[in-house]
Amino acid sequence: MQATAKDLRFNVKELLDTVSRGEEVIITYRGKPQAKLIPFEDEIAIEDELFGIWADDSKSEDVAAYIRNIRKGRFDAD
C-alpha cells in the first residue's frame, strides 16, 4: 500500500491498522518513496554464539582477554 506524507499526518491510526494486519505501507513525499512502515516483530532471534568472521577465529576463544589486550595502552609494561 502507498500513502502520502499528508495521509500519514492525518490518518495515522488507519495506517497503523493496515500495518498491524501485516501489510507494508510505503510513505511518499512529492511522489517519491521516502519511508516504509513494516510490522514490528517482538521476538528477535539472538544467539549467544559468535557469528561471521569471528565464529572460526582463534581469538574468539577468550574474548575478554582479547578485548583487554586491544584496550591496553601502548606504553603498558604488561
N, C-alpha and C. Protein backbone atom coordinates (compact mmCIF):
# COMPACT_ATOMS: atom_id res chain seq x y z
N MET A 1 0.84 -1.17 0.00
CA MET A 1 0.00 0.00 0.00
C MET A 1 0.89 1.23 0.00
N GLN A 2 0.44 2.27 -0.65
CA GLN A 2 1.15 3.55 -0.64
C GLN A 2 0.30 4.61 0.04
N ALA A 3 0.98 5.52 0.72
CA ALA A 3 0.30 6.64 1.36
C ALA A 3 1.21 7.86 1.25
N THR A 4 0.62 9.02 1.23
CA THR A 4 1.41 10.24 1.15
C THR A 4 1.78 10.71 2.56
N ALA A 5 2.70 11.65 2.63
CA ALA A 5 3.08 12.22 3.92
C ALA A 5 1.87 12.88 4.58
N LYS A 6 0.99 13.46 3.77
CA LYS A 6 -0.22 14.08 4.31
C LYS A 6 -1.14 13.01 4.91
N ASP A 7 -1.25 11.85 4.23
CA ASP A 7 -2.04 10.74 4.78
C ASP A 7 -1.46 10.29 6.11
N LEU A 8 -0.15 10.23 6.19
CA LEU A 8 0.49 9.84 7.44
C LEU A 8 0.16 10.81 8.55
N ARG A 9 0.15 12.07 8.22
CA ARG A 9 -0.12 13.10 9.22
C ARG A 9 -1.55 13.04 9.74
N PHE A 10 -2.50 12.84 8.84
CA PHE A 10 -3.90 12.92 9.23
C PHE A 10 -4.58 11.57 9.45
N ASN A 11 -3.98 10.48 9.01
CA ASN A 11 -4.61 9.16 9.11
C ASN A 11 -3.69 8.12 9.74
N VAL A 12 -3.01 8.50 10.79
CA VAL A 12 -2.04 7.60 11.43
C VAL A 12 -2.70 6.31 11.88
N LYS A 13 -3.83 6.40 12.53
CA LYS A 13 -4.49 5.19 13.07
C LYS A 13 -4.82 4.20 11.96
N GLU A 14 -5.34 4.67 10.85
CA GLU A 14 -5.69 3.77 9.75
C GLU A 14 -4.44 3.11 9.18
N LEU A 15 -3.34 3.87 9.07
CA LEU A 15 -2.11 3.29 8.54
C LEU A 15 -1.52 2.27 9.51
N LEU A 16 -1.59 2.56 10.80
CA LEU A 16 -1.11 1.59 11.79
C LEU A 16 -1.97 0.34 11.80
N ASP A 17 -3.27 0.49 11.60
CA ASP A 17 -4.15 -0.68 11.50
C ASP A 17 -3.77 -1.54 10.29
N THR A 18 -3.43 -0.88 9.20
CA THR A 18 -3.00 -1.60 7.99
C THR A 18 -1.73 -2.38 8.27
N VAL A 19 -0.79 -1.74 8.95
CA VAL A 19 0.47 -2.41 9.27
C VAL A 19 0.25 -3.55 10.25
N SER A 20 -0.66 -3.37 11.20
CA SER A 20 -0.92 -4.43 12.18
C SER A 20 -1.53 -5.67 11.53
N ARG A 21 -2.16 -5.50 10.37
CA ARG A 21 -2.69 -6.64 9.63
C ARG A 21 -1.61 -7.36 8.83
N GLY A 22 -0.37 -6.83 8.85
CA GLY A 22 0.73 -7.49 8.17
C GLY A 22 1.14 -6.85 6.86
N GLU A 23 0.45 -5.80 6.45
CA GLU A 23 0.82 -5.13 5.20
C GLU A 23 1.94 -4.13 5.43
N GLU A 24 2.69 -3.86 4.37
CA GLU A 24 3.70 -2.81 4.42
C GLU A 24 3.12 -1.56 3.77
N VAL A 25 3.47 -0.40 4.31
CA VAL A 25 2.98 0.87 3.78
C VAL A 25 4.19 1.70 3.35
N ILE A 26 4.20 2.10 2.09
CA ILE A 26 5.25 2.97 1.56
C ILE A 26 4.76 4.41 1.69
N ILE A 27 5.53 5.24 2.37
CA ILE A 27 5.19 6.66 2.54
C ILE A 27 5.90 7.45 1.45
N THR A 28 5.13 8.21 0.69
CA THR A 28 5.71 9.03 -0.37
C THR A 28 5.65 10.51 -0.01
N TYR A 29 6.62 11.24 -0.50
CA TYR A 29 6.65 12.70 -0.33
C TYR A 29 6.94 13.29 -1.69
N ARG A 30 6.00 14.08 -2.17
CA ARG A 30 6.08 14.66 -3.51
C ARG A 30 6.26 13.60 -4.59
N GLY A 31 5.56 12.47 -4.38
CA GLY A 31 5.54 11.41 -5.38
C GLY A 31 6.70 10.44 -5.33
N LYS A 32 7.65 10.66 -4.43
CA LYS A 32 8.81 9.77 -4.35
C LYS A 32 8.78 9.00 -3.02
N PRO A 33 9.06 7.71 -3.06
CA PRO A 33 9.08 6.92 -1.83
C PRO A 33 10.14 7.46 -0.85
N GLN A 34 9.73 7.62 0.40
CA GLN A 34 10.64 8.16 1.42
C GLN A 34 10.81 7.23 2.60
N ALA A 35 9.81 6.43 2.92
CA ALA A 35 9.88 5.58 4.11
C ALA A 35 8.98 4.37 3.91
N LYS A 36 9.19 3.38 4.77
CA LYS A 36 8.37 2.17 4.73
C LYS A 36 7.95 1.83 6.15
N LEU A 37 6.66 1.66 6.35
CA LEU A 37 6.13 1.18 7.63
C LEU A 37 5.97 -0.33 7.51
N ILE A 38 6.60 -1.05 8.42
CA ILE A 38 6.51 -2.51 8.40
C ILE A 38 6.08 -2.99 9.78
N PRO A 39 5.49 -4.17 9.88
CA PRO A 39 5.08 -4.69 11.18
C PRO A 39 6.30 -4.90 12.09
N PHE A 40 6.13 -4.60 13.36
CA PHE A 40 7.19 -4.77 14.35
C PHE A 40 7.19 -6.21 14.84
N GLU A 41 8.37 -6.82 14.90
CA GLU A 41 8.50 -8.18 15.39
C GLU A 41 9.04 -8.13 16.80
N ASP A 42 8.29 -8.69 17.75
CA ASP A 42 8.71 -8.69 19.16
C ASP A 42 9.93 -9.55 19.40
N GLU A 43 9.92 -10.72 18.85
CA GLU A 43 10.99 -11.69 19.10
C GLU A 43 12.06 -11.56 18.04
N ILE A 44 13.26 -11.22 18.48
CA ILE A 44 14.40 -11.18 17.58
C ILE A 44 15.32 -12.32 18.00
N ALA A 45 15.63 -13.17 17.07
CA ALA A 45 16.45 -14.34 17.39
C ALA A 45 17.91 -13.91 17.53
N ILE A 46 18.36 -13.85 18.77
CA ILE A 46 19.75 -13.53 19.05
C ILE A 46 20.36 -14.73 19.76
N GLU A 47 21.42 -15.21 19.19
CA GLU A 47 22.10 -16.35 19.78
C GLU A 47 23.31 -15.86 20.55
N ASP A 48 23.73 -16.63 21.53
CA ASP A 48 24.90 -16.27 22.31
C ASP A 48 26.20 -16.61 21.60
N GLU A 49 26.11 -17.30 20.49
CA GLU A 49 27.30 -17.70 19.77
C GLU A 49 27.79 -16.57 18.87
N LEU A 50 29.08 -16.58 18.62
CA LEU A 50 29.65 -15.61 17.70
C LEU A 50 29.27 -15.99 16.28
N PHE A 51 29.28 -15.04 15.40
CA PHE A 51 28.90 -15.30 14.03
C PHE A 51 29.84 -14.55 13.09
N GLY A 52 29.72 -14.83 11.82
CA GLY A 52 30.52 -14.12 10.83
C GLY A 52 31.98 -14.51 10.89
N ILE A 53 32.86 -13.53 10.72
CA ILE A 53 34.28 -13.82 10.66
C ILE A 53 34.85 -14.24 12.01
N TRP A 54 34.17 -13.92 13.11
CA TRP A 54 34.66 -14.28 14.44
C TRP A 54 34.33 -15.72 14.82
N ALA A 55 33.43 -16.36 14.14
CA ALA A 55 33.00 -17.70 14.52
C ALA A 55 34.15 -18.70 14.48
N ASP A 56 35.04 -18.59 13.51
CA ASP A 56 36.12 -19.55 13.36
C ASP A 56 37.47 -18.98 13.77
N ASP A 57 37.51 -17.80 14.32
CA ASP A 57 38.77 -17.15 14.68
C ASP A 57 39.24 -17.66 16.04
N SER A 58 40.53 -17.97 16.14
CA SER A 58 41.08 -18.50 17.39
C SER A 58 41.06 -17.46 18.50
N LYS A 59 41.03 -16.17 18.17
CA LYS A 59 40.99 -15.11 19.17
C LYS A 59 39.67 -15.10 19.93
N SER A 60 38.63 -15.69 19.36
CA SER A 60 37.32 -15.65 19.99
C SER A 60 37.16 -16.68 21.10
N GLU A 61 38.17 -17.50 21.34
CA GLU A 61 38.07 -18.48 22.42
C GLU A 61 38.03 -17.79 23.78
N ASP A 62 38.83 -16.74 23.96
CA ASP A 62 38.81 -15.97 25.21
C ASP A 62 38.62 -14.50 24.84
N VAL A 63 37.37 -14.13 24.63
CA VAL A 63 37.04 -12.80 24.14
C VAL A 63 37.47 -11.72 25.13
N ALA A 64 37.27 -11.97 26.44
CA ALA A 64 37.62 -10.97 27.45
C ALA A 64 39.11 -10.65 27.42
N ALA A 65 39.94 -11.67 27.29
CA ALA A 65 41.39 -11.45 27.22
C ALA A 65 41.76 -10.70 25.95
N TYR A 66 41.13 -11.03 24.87
CA TYR A 66 41.41 -10.36 23.60
C TYR A 66 41.06 -8.88 23.68
N ILE A 67 39.90 -8.55 24.25
CA ILE A 67 39.48 -7.16 24.38
C ILE A 67 40.41 -6.41 25.33
N ARG A 68 40.81 -7.05 26.45
CA ARG A 68 41.77 -6.42 27.37
C ARG A 68 43.06 -6.09 26.65
N ASN A 69 43.52 -7.00 25.82
CA ASN A 69 44.76 -6.79 25.08
C ASN A 69 44.63 -5.64 24.08
N ILE A 70 43.48 -5.54 23.43
CA ILE A 70 43.26 -4.44 22.47
C ILE A 70 43.24 -3.11 23.20
N ARG A 71 42.61 -3.07 24.36
CA ARG A 71 42.45 -1.82 25.09
C ARG A 71 43.70 -1.40 25.86
N LYS A 72 44.65 -2.29 25.97
CA LYS A 72 45.86 -2.00 26.72
C LYS A 72 46.60 -0.83 26.04
N GLY A 73 47.09 0.08 26.85
CA GLY A 73 47.80 1.24 26.32
C GLY A 73 49.10 0.84 25.63
N ARG A 74 49.63 1.73 24.80
CA ARG A 74 50.86 1.46 24.07
C ARG A 74 52.06 1.35 24.98
N PHE A 75 52.03 2.02 26.11
CA PHE A 75 53.20 2.08 26.96
C PHE A 75 53.06 1.25 28.23
N ASP A 76 52.08 0.36 28.29
CA ASP A 76 51.95 -0.52 29.45
C ASP A 76 53.09 -1.55 29.45
N ALA A 77 53.57 -1.90 30.61
CA ALA A 77 54.68 -2.83 30.73
C ALA A 77 54.22 -4.29 30.62
N ASP A 78 52.92 -4.56 30.68
CA ASP A 78 52.43 -5.95 30.65
C ASP A 78 52.80 -6.62 29.39
